[in-house]
Amino acid sequence: MSEDSAATRAPGEGGRLMRWAFRHLAGPAEGVQGAVQGGSAEAREAWKRDLAERKRYTREQREQKRAARDAGRRS
């Protein structure tokens, strides 16, 4: 095996056997219900509420900064 191919591989990638096992035995996550969004409907709803709250806070911060900039320009 040349040094070039070893250098392009990530340190934790593993060898041929690990790649084969991951591809063929692990399978895609799409087939598992709730694998990405959480285990339950309550967890998904809590995540959505948290995301909405974070967006609201960020929007308020932007508005405050914009108001401060506008007040600084006027004076």
C-alpha atoms as a PDB file:
ATOM      1  CA  MET A   1       0.000   0.000   0.000  1.00  0.00           C
ATOM      2  CA  SER A   2       1.424   3.379  -0.897  1.00  0.00           C
ATOM      3  CA  GLU A   3       1.810   6.240   1.535  1.00  0.00           C
ATOM      4  CA  ASP A   4      -0.485   8.459  -0.559  1.00  0.00           C
ATOM      5  CA  SER A   5      -3.567   6.332   0.048  1.00  0.00           C
ATOM      6  CA  ALA A   6      -2.787   6.074   3.761  1.00  0.00           C
ATOM      7  CA  ALA A   7      -2.471   9.847   4.024  1.00  0.00           C
ATOM      8  CA  THR A   8      -5.867  10.525   2.437  1.00  0.00           C
ATOM      9  CA  ARG A   9      -7.734   8.331   4.913  1.00  0.00           C
ATOM     10  CA  ALA A  10      -9.072   9.873   8.127  1.00  0.00           C
ATOM     11  CA  PRO A  11      -7.433   8.603  11.345  1.00  0.00           C
ATOM     12  CA  GLY A  12     -10.598   6.966  12.722  1.00  0.00           C
ATOM     13  CA  GLU A  13     -11.866   5.564   9.433  1.00  0.00           C
ATOM     14  CA  GLY A  14     -10.771   1.987   9.999  1.00  0.00           C
ATOM     15  CA  GLY A  15      -9.870  -0.624   7.438  1.00  0.00           C
ATOM     16  CA  ARG A  16     -11.698  -2.510   4.719  1.00  0.00           C
ATOM     17  CA  LEU A  17     -13.406  -4.842   7.179  1.00  0.00           C
ATOM     18  CA  MET A  18     -14.795  -1.980   9.265  1.00  0.00           C
ATOM     19  CA  ARG A  19     -16.063  -0.142   6.162  1.00  0.00           C
ATOM     20  CA  TRP A  20     -17.772  -3.299   4.902  1.00  0.00           C
ATOM     21  CA  ALA A  21     -19.308  -4.019   8.305  1.00  0.00           C
ATOM     22  CA  PHE A  22     -20.610  -0.485   8.641  1.00  0.00           C
ATOM     23  CA  ARG A  23     -22.116  -0.447   5.150  1.00  0.00           C
ATOM     24  CA  HIS A  24     -23.709  -3.879   5.232  1.00  0.00           C
ATOM     25  CA  LEU A  25     -24.486  -4.610   8.861  1.00  0.00           C
ATOM     26  CA  ALA A  26     -25.328  -1.217  10.322  1.00  0.00           C
ATOM     27  CA  GLY A  27     -27.706  -0.155   7.574  1.00  0.00           C
ATOM     28  CA  PRO A  28     -29.255   3.242   7.014  1.00  0.00           C
ATOM     29  CA  ALA A  29     -30.719   5.234   9.903  1.00  0.00           C
ATOM     30  CA  GLU A  30     -33.775   6.174   7.839  1.00  0.00           C
ATOM     31  CA  GLY A  31     -35.464   2.860   8.567  1.00  0.00           C
ATOM     32  CA  VAL A  32     -35.540   3.515  12.302  1.00  0.00           C
ATOM     33  CA  GLN A  33     -38.514   5.565  13.415  1.00  0.00           C
ATOM     34  CA  GLY A  34     -37.493   8.659  15.379  1.00  0.00           C
ATOM     35  CA  ALA A  35     -33.760   8.036  14.989  1.00  0.00           C
ATOM     36  CA  VAL A  36     -32.964  11.616  14.069  1.00  0.00           C
ATOM     37  CA  GLN A  37     -35.677  13.659  15.778  1.00  0.00           C
ATOM     38  CA  GLY A  38     -35.896  11.923  19.111  1.00  0.00           C
ATOM     39  CA  GLY A  39     -37.496   8.883  20.604  1.00  0.00           C
ATOM     40  CA  SER A  40     -40.939  10.279  21.277  1.00  0.00           C
ATOM     41  CA  ALA A  41     -43.428  12.833  20.098  1.00  0.00           C
ATOM     42  CA  GLU A  42     -42.941  14.764  23.358  1.00  0.00           C
ATOM     43  CA  ALA A  43     -39.195  15.001  22.717  1.00  0.00           C
ATOM     44  CA  ARG A  44     -39.799  16.300  19.187  1.00  0.00           C
ATOM     45  CA  GLU A  45     -42.266  18.905  20.440  1.00  0.00           C
ATOM     46  CA  ALA A  46     -39.833  20.015  23.162  1.00  0.00           C
ATOM     47  CA  TRP A  47     -37.098  20.330  20.534  1.00  0.00           C
ATOM     48  CA  LYS A  48     -39.385  22.416  18.308  1.00  0.00           C
ATOM     49  CA  ARG A  49     -40.339  24.698  21.220  1.00  0.00           C
ATOM     50  CA  ASP A  50     -36.694  25.143  22.168  1.00  0.00           C
ATOM     51  CA  LEU A  51     -35.755  25.982  18.581  1.00  0.00           C
ATOM     52  CA  ALA A  52     -38.581  28.527  18.316  1.00  0.00           C
ATOM     53  CA  GLU A  53     -37.488  30.132  21.594  1.00  0.00           C
ATOM     54  CA  ARG A  54     -33.871  30.360  20.417  1.00  0.00           C
ATOM     55  CA  LYS A  55     -34.966  31.951  17.132  1.00  0.00           C
ATOM     56  CA  ARG A  56     -37.154  34.447  19.002  1.00  0.00           C
ATOM     57  CA  TYR A  57     -34.263  35.401  21.322  1.00  0.00           C
ATOM     58  CA  THR A  58     -31.884  35.819  18.372  1.00  0.00           C
ATOM     59  CA  ARG A  59     -34.425  37.965  16.528  1.00  0.00           C
ATOM     60  CA  GLU A  60     -34.855  40.180  19.619  1.00  0.00           C
ATOM     61  CA  GLN A  61     -31.085  40.576  19.957  1.00  0.00           C
ATOM     62  CA  ARG A  62     -30.785  41.616  16.302  1.00  0.00           C
ATOM     63  CA  GLU A  63     -33.595  44.145  16.737  1.00  0.00           C
ATOM     64  CA  GLN A  64     -31.931  45.613  19.852  1.00  0.00           C
ATOM     65  CA  LYS A  65     -28.591  45.940  18.064  1.00  0.00           C
ATOM     66  CA  ARG A  66     -30.276  47.552  15.066  1.00  0.00           C
ATOM     67  CA  ALA A  67     -32.141  50.003  17.327  1.00  0.00           C
ATOM     68  CA  ALA A  68     -28.894  50.903  19.126  1.00  0.00           C
ATOM     69  CA  ARG A  69     -27.124  51.462  15.792  1.00  0.00           C
ATOM     70  CA  ASP A  70     -29.971  53.632  14.530  1.00  0.00           C
ATOM     71  CA  ALA A  71     -29.988  55.651  17.777  1.00  0.00           C
ATOM     72  CA  GLY A  72     -26.214  56.150  17.439  1.00  0.00           C
ATOM     73  CA  ARG A  73     -26.581  57.417  13.873  1.00  0.00           C
ATOM     74  CA  ARG A  74     -29.267  59.926  14.819  1.00  0.00           C
ATOM     75  CA  SER A  75     -27.286  61.566  17.616  1.00  0.00           C
END
